[in-house]
Amino acid sequence: MSKRPAKDRLIETWMSPRLYRFLMTRGGRFQLIVLAALAVAAVAIISHIYGRYLASGEIMERDQTIQLMQSEGQKLATEVNERDARIAILEGQIKKLQDALAAIVPAKDTYDVKPNQSIVVADGRLTIGLIGPPTNEAVVVNINGKQQAAAAGDILHSTLDASTTCQVTVQSFDMFKAVLAASCAAAKAQ
C-alpha cells in the first residue's frame, strides 16, 4: 500500500468516495461545470430582476419629482410673464407722468414768461421779462433793462461784465407766453 499525499486525504475527509470518483470522470467534470454555469446564470438573472425592482421605485420617484418641477416651472413662468406685463404698464404710466411733469416744469434753464412778467435767472445775474403780449411775428424781451425785439429761434446776447456773457434764446411764443432759454458763461479769452 502506497501512502497517499496529505492533499488527497483532506478531500477524502469531507467528500465521499463515490462523489470523488464521479468528479474525477470526464462526464462528472462536465456536469460540474454546467452546474456551476447554471448557478452563476441564475444568480445573475435573479440579481438583475431584483436590481430592476429596486430601481423601479427610484424611477417612479424621479418621474414624480420631474413632473412637480415642471409644474412649478410653468407656474413661475406665468408669474414672470404677469410681472413683465405689470412692469410694462407701470413703465407706460411713468412715461406719461414724466411727460406731464416736463410740460409743467420745463427743462433746465428754460422759462415760460408771461406778458409784463420779469424773472431773475442765471443765479441772479440776469433779469429777463416780456414787455406786452407777443405779436404774430415777434416778442419784445427786456434783458437787464435793455429791450430787444426777437422772433422764434433768435438768440439775444448780453454782456454782464468783461468775464461773463449771457445769451437768451427765444424758443417759441404764443399770445399768452414766451418760452425763453437763458444761460451765462465765462467770456472766451481772445
Protein backbone atom coordinates (compact mmCIF):
# COMPACT_ATOMS: atom_id res chain seq x y z
CA MET A 1 0.00 0.00 0.00
CA SER A 2 1.32 3.27 -1.02
CA LYS A 3 0.85 6.29 1.03
CA ARG A 4 -1.44 8.89 -0.31
CA PRO A 5 -0.39 12.51 -0.24
CA ALA A 6 -1.83 14.70 2.50
CA LYS A 7 -3.78 16.66 -0.06
CA ASP A 8 -5.81 13.65 -1.08
CA ARG A 9 -6.55 12.78 2.49
CA LEU A 10 -8.20 16.18 3.07
CA ILE A 11 -10.51 15.62 0.14
CA GLU A 12 -11.46 12.23 1.41
CA THR A 13 -12.41 13.54 4.79
CA TRP A 14 -15.13 15.86 3.58
CA MET A 15 -16.06 14.14 0.31
CA SER A 16 -17.48 10.68 -0.07
CA PRO A 17 -15.54 8.23 -2.22
CA ARG A 18 -18.44 7.90 -4.57
CA LEU A 19 -18.61 11.67 -5.18
CA TYR A 20 -14.88 11.77 -5.60
CA ARG A 21 -14.97 9.13 -8.28
CA PHE A 22 -17.84 10.89 -10.01
CA LEU A 23 -15.98 14.23 -10.12
CA MET A 24 -12.82 12.64 -11.40
CA THR A 25 -14.51 11.30 -14.52
CA ARG A 26 -14.79 13.35 -17.68
CA GLY A 27 -18.60 13.41 -17.60
CA GLY A 28 -18.62 14.37 -13.93
CA ARG A 29 -16.39 17.35 -14.50
CA PHE A 30 -18.50 18.46 -17.43
CA GLN A 31 -21.65 18.22 -15.35
CA LEU A 32 -19.97 20.16 -12.55
CA ILE A 33 -19.00 22.95 -14.99
CA VAL A 34 -22.53 23.05 -16.42
CA LEU A 35 -23.99 23.11 -12.92
CA ALA A 36 -21.66 25.96 -11.89
CA ALA A 37 -22.51 27.92 -15.06
CA LEU A 38 -26.22 27.46 -14.40
CA ALA A 39 -25.78 28.61 -10.83
CA VAL A 40 -23.88 31.74 -11.98
CA ALA A 41 -26.52 32.43 -14.63
CA ALA A 42 -29.33 32.00 -12.09
CA VAL A 43 -27.63 34.36 -9.63
CA ALA A 44 -27.09 36.91 -12.43
CA ILE A 45 -30.73 36.73 -13.57
CA ILE A 46 -32.08 36.96 -10.03
CA SER A 47 -29.74 39.89 -9.27
CA HIS A 48 -30.84 41.67 -12.43
CA ILE A 49 -34.53 41.22 -11.65
CA TYR A 50 -34.04 42.36 -8.06
CA GLY A 51 -32.00 45.38 -9.21
CA ARG A 52 -34.75 46.40 -11.63
CA TYR A 53 -37.29 46.03 -8.85
CA LEU A 54 -35.26 48.31 -6.58
CA ALA A 55 -34.64 50.81 -9.40
CA SER A 56 -38.33 50.96 -10.38
CA GLY A 57 -39.17 52.69 -7.09
CA GLU A 58 -36.43 55.25 -7.64
CA ILE A 59 -37.51 55.79 -11.26
CA MET A 60 -41.10 56.43 -10.19
CA GLU A 61 -39.88 58.86 -7.53
CA ARG A 62 -37.67 60.61 -10.11
CA ASP A 63 -40.58 60.89 -12.56
CA GLN A 64 -42.81 62.39 -9.86
CA THR A 65 -40.08 64.90 -8.98
CA ILE A 66 -39.70 65.84 -12.66
CA GLN A 67 -43.44 66.39 -13.02
CA LEU A 68 -43.51 68.50 -9.86
CA MET A 69 -40.57 70.60 -11.05
CA GLN A 70 -42.18 71.09 -14.48
CA SER A 71 -45.44 72.30 -12.94
CA GLU A 72 -43.51 74.65 -10.63
CA GLY A 73 -41.50 75.91 -13.61
CA GLN A 74 -44.69 76.63 -15.55
CA LYS A 75 -46.14 78.41 -12.52
CA LEU A 76 -43.01 80.55 -12.18
CA ALA A 77 -43.00 81.32 -15.91
CA THR A 78 -46.61 82.50 -15.62
CA GLU A 79 -45.71 84.70 -12.66
CA VAL A 80 -42.76 86.18 -14.57
CA ASN A 81 -44.99 86.94 -17.56
CA GLU A 82 -47.57 88.61 -15.30
CA ARG A 83 -44.85 90.70 -13.64
CA ASP A 84 -43.42 91.67 -17.03
CA ALA A 85 -46.88 92.82 -18.11
CA ARG A 86 -47.31 94.83 -14.90
CA ILE A 87 -43.84 96.36 -15.36
CA ALA A 88 -44.70 97.36 -18.93
CA ILE A 89 -47.91 99.02 -17.72
CA LEU A 90 -46.05 100.83 -14.94
CA GLU A 91 -43.33 101.97 -17.35
CA GLY A 92 -46.03 103.42 -19.63
CA GLN A 93 -47.57 105.24 -16.67
CA ILE A 94 -44.15 106.55 -15.61
CA LYS A 95 -43.52 107.83 -19.14
CA LYS A 96 -46.88 109.66 -19.14
CA LEU A 97 -46.11 111.17 -15.73
CA GLN A 98 -42.63 112.25 -16.87
CA ASP A 99 -44.11 113.87 -19.97
CA ALA A 100 -46.73 115.66 -17.84
CA LEU A 101 -44.02 116.80 -15.42
CA ALA A 102 -41.84 118.02 -18.28
CA ALA A 103 -44.78 120.08 -19.54
CA ILE A 104 -45.25 121.63 -16.09
CA VAL A 105 -41.57 122.03 -15.20
CA PRO A 106 -39.57 122.86 -18.31
CA ALA A 107 -36.02 121.76 -18.98
CA LYS A 108 -33.10 123.30 -17.14
CA ASP A 109 -32.57 126.99 -17.94
CA THR A 110 -35.86 127.13 -19.89
CA TYR A 111 -38.56 129.51 -18.64
CA ASP A 112 -42.16 130.36 -19.52
CA VAL A 113 -42.55 134.13 -19.29
CA LYS A 114 -46.00 135.73 -19.38
CA PRO A 115 -46.67 139.21 -20.75
CA ASN A 116 -45.42 142.00 -18.46
CA GLN A 117 -43.66 139.50 -16.19
CA SER A 118 -39.99 139.58 -15.18
CA ILE A 119 -37.92 136.73 -13.74
CA VAL A 120 -34.44 136.54 -12.30
CA VAL A 121 -32.33 133.74 -13.79
CA ALA A 122 -28.72 132.54 -14.08
CA ASP A 123 -28.10 132.61 -10.32
CA GLY A 124 -29.44 136.17 -10.02
CA ARG A 125 -27.14 137.64 -12.66
CA LEU A 126 -29.79 138.12 -15.33
CA THR A 127 -33.28 139.63 -15.25
CA ILE A 128 -35.46 138.88 -18.25
CA GLY A 129 -39.00 140.00 -18.89
CA LEU A 130 -41.63 140.05 -21.59
CA ILE A 131 -42.92 143.53 -22.48
CA GLY A 132 -46.53 143.39 -23.60
CA PRO A 133 -48.13 140.41 -25.26
CA PRO A 134 -46.31 138.73 -28.14
CA THR A 135 -47.38 139.66 -31.67
CA ASN A 136 -47.63 137.27 -34.60
CA GLU A 137 -44.04 137.94 -35.69
CA ALA A 138 -42.03 138.91 -32.60
CA VAL A 139 -41.81 139.43 -28.88
CA VAL A 140 -40.20 142.31 -27.01
CA VAL A 141 -37.78 140.97 -24.40
CA ASN A 142 -36.20 143.07 -21.65
CA ILE A 143 -32.74 141.76 -20.64
CA ASN A 144 -31.28 143.61 -17.65
CA GLY A 145 -33.16 146.77 -18.67
CA LYS A 146 -32.37 146.62 -22.39
CA GLN A 147 -35.37 145.97 -24.68
CA GLN A 148 -34.93 143.90 -27.83
CA ALA A 149 -37.44 142.53 -30.38
CA ALA A 150 -36.91 138.89 -31.35
CA ALA A 151 -38.59 136.15 -33.37
CA ALA A 152 -38.72 132.46 -32.53
CA GLY A 153 -35.23 130.95 -32.75
CA ASP A 154 -33.39 134.26 -32.27
CA ILE A 155 -30.50 134.40 -29.80
CA LEU A 156 -30.07 137.62 -27.81
CA HIS A 157 -26.64 138.27 -26.28
CA SER A 158 -25.94 140.30 -23.17
CA THR A 159 -22.56 141.02 -21.60
CA LEU A 160 -22.68 141.43 -17.85
CA ASP A 161 -19.01 142.27 -17.47
CA ALA A 162 -15.76 141.54 -19.26
CA SER A 163 -15.64 137.99 -17.91
CA THR A 164 -19.31 136.90 -18.27
CA THR A 165 -21.60 136.80 -21.28
CA CYS A 166 -25.19 135.61 -21.28
CA GLN A 167 -27.49 134.56 -24.03
CA VAL A 168 -31.27 134.36 -24.15
CA THR A 169 -32.86 132.19 -26.84
CA VAL A 170 -36.48 132.70 -27.86
CA GLN A 171 -37.64 129.12 -28.32
CA SER A 172 -41.31 129.78 -29.03
CA PHE A 173 -44.17 132.13 -28.18
CA ASP A 174 -47.92 132.49 -28.43
CA MET A 175 -50.47 135.07 -27.23
CA PHE A 176 -50.12 134.07 -23.59
CA LYS A 177 -46.43 133.37 -23.03
CA ALA A 178 -42.94 133.13 -24.47
CA VAL A 179 -40.60 130.20 -23.86
CA LEU A 180 -37.10 131.54 -23.25
CA ALA A 181 -33.84 129.71 -22.55
CA ALA A 182 -31.19 131.64 -20.66
CA SER A 183 -27.62 130.77 -19.78
CA CYS A 184 -24.47 132.58 -18.77
CA ALA A 185 -20.85 131.54 -19.28
CA ALA A 186 -17.39 132.94 -18.86
CA ALA A 187 -16.28 135.00 -21.85
CA LYS A 188 -13.72 133.39 -24.13
CA ALA A 189 -10.23 134.84 -23.90
CA GLN A 190 -9.02 136.21 -27.24
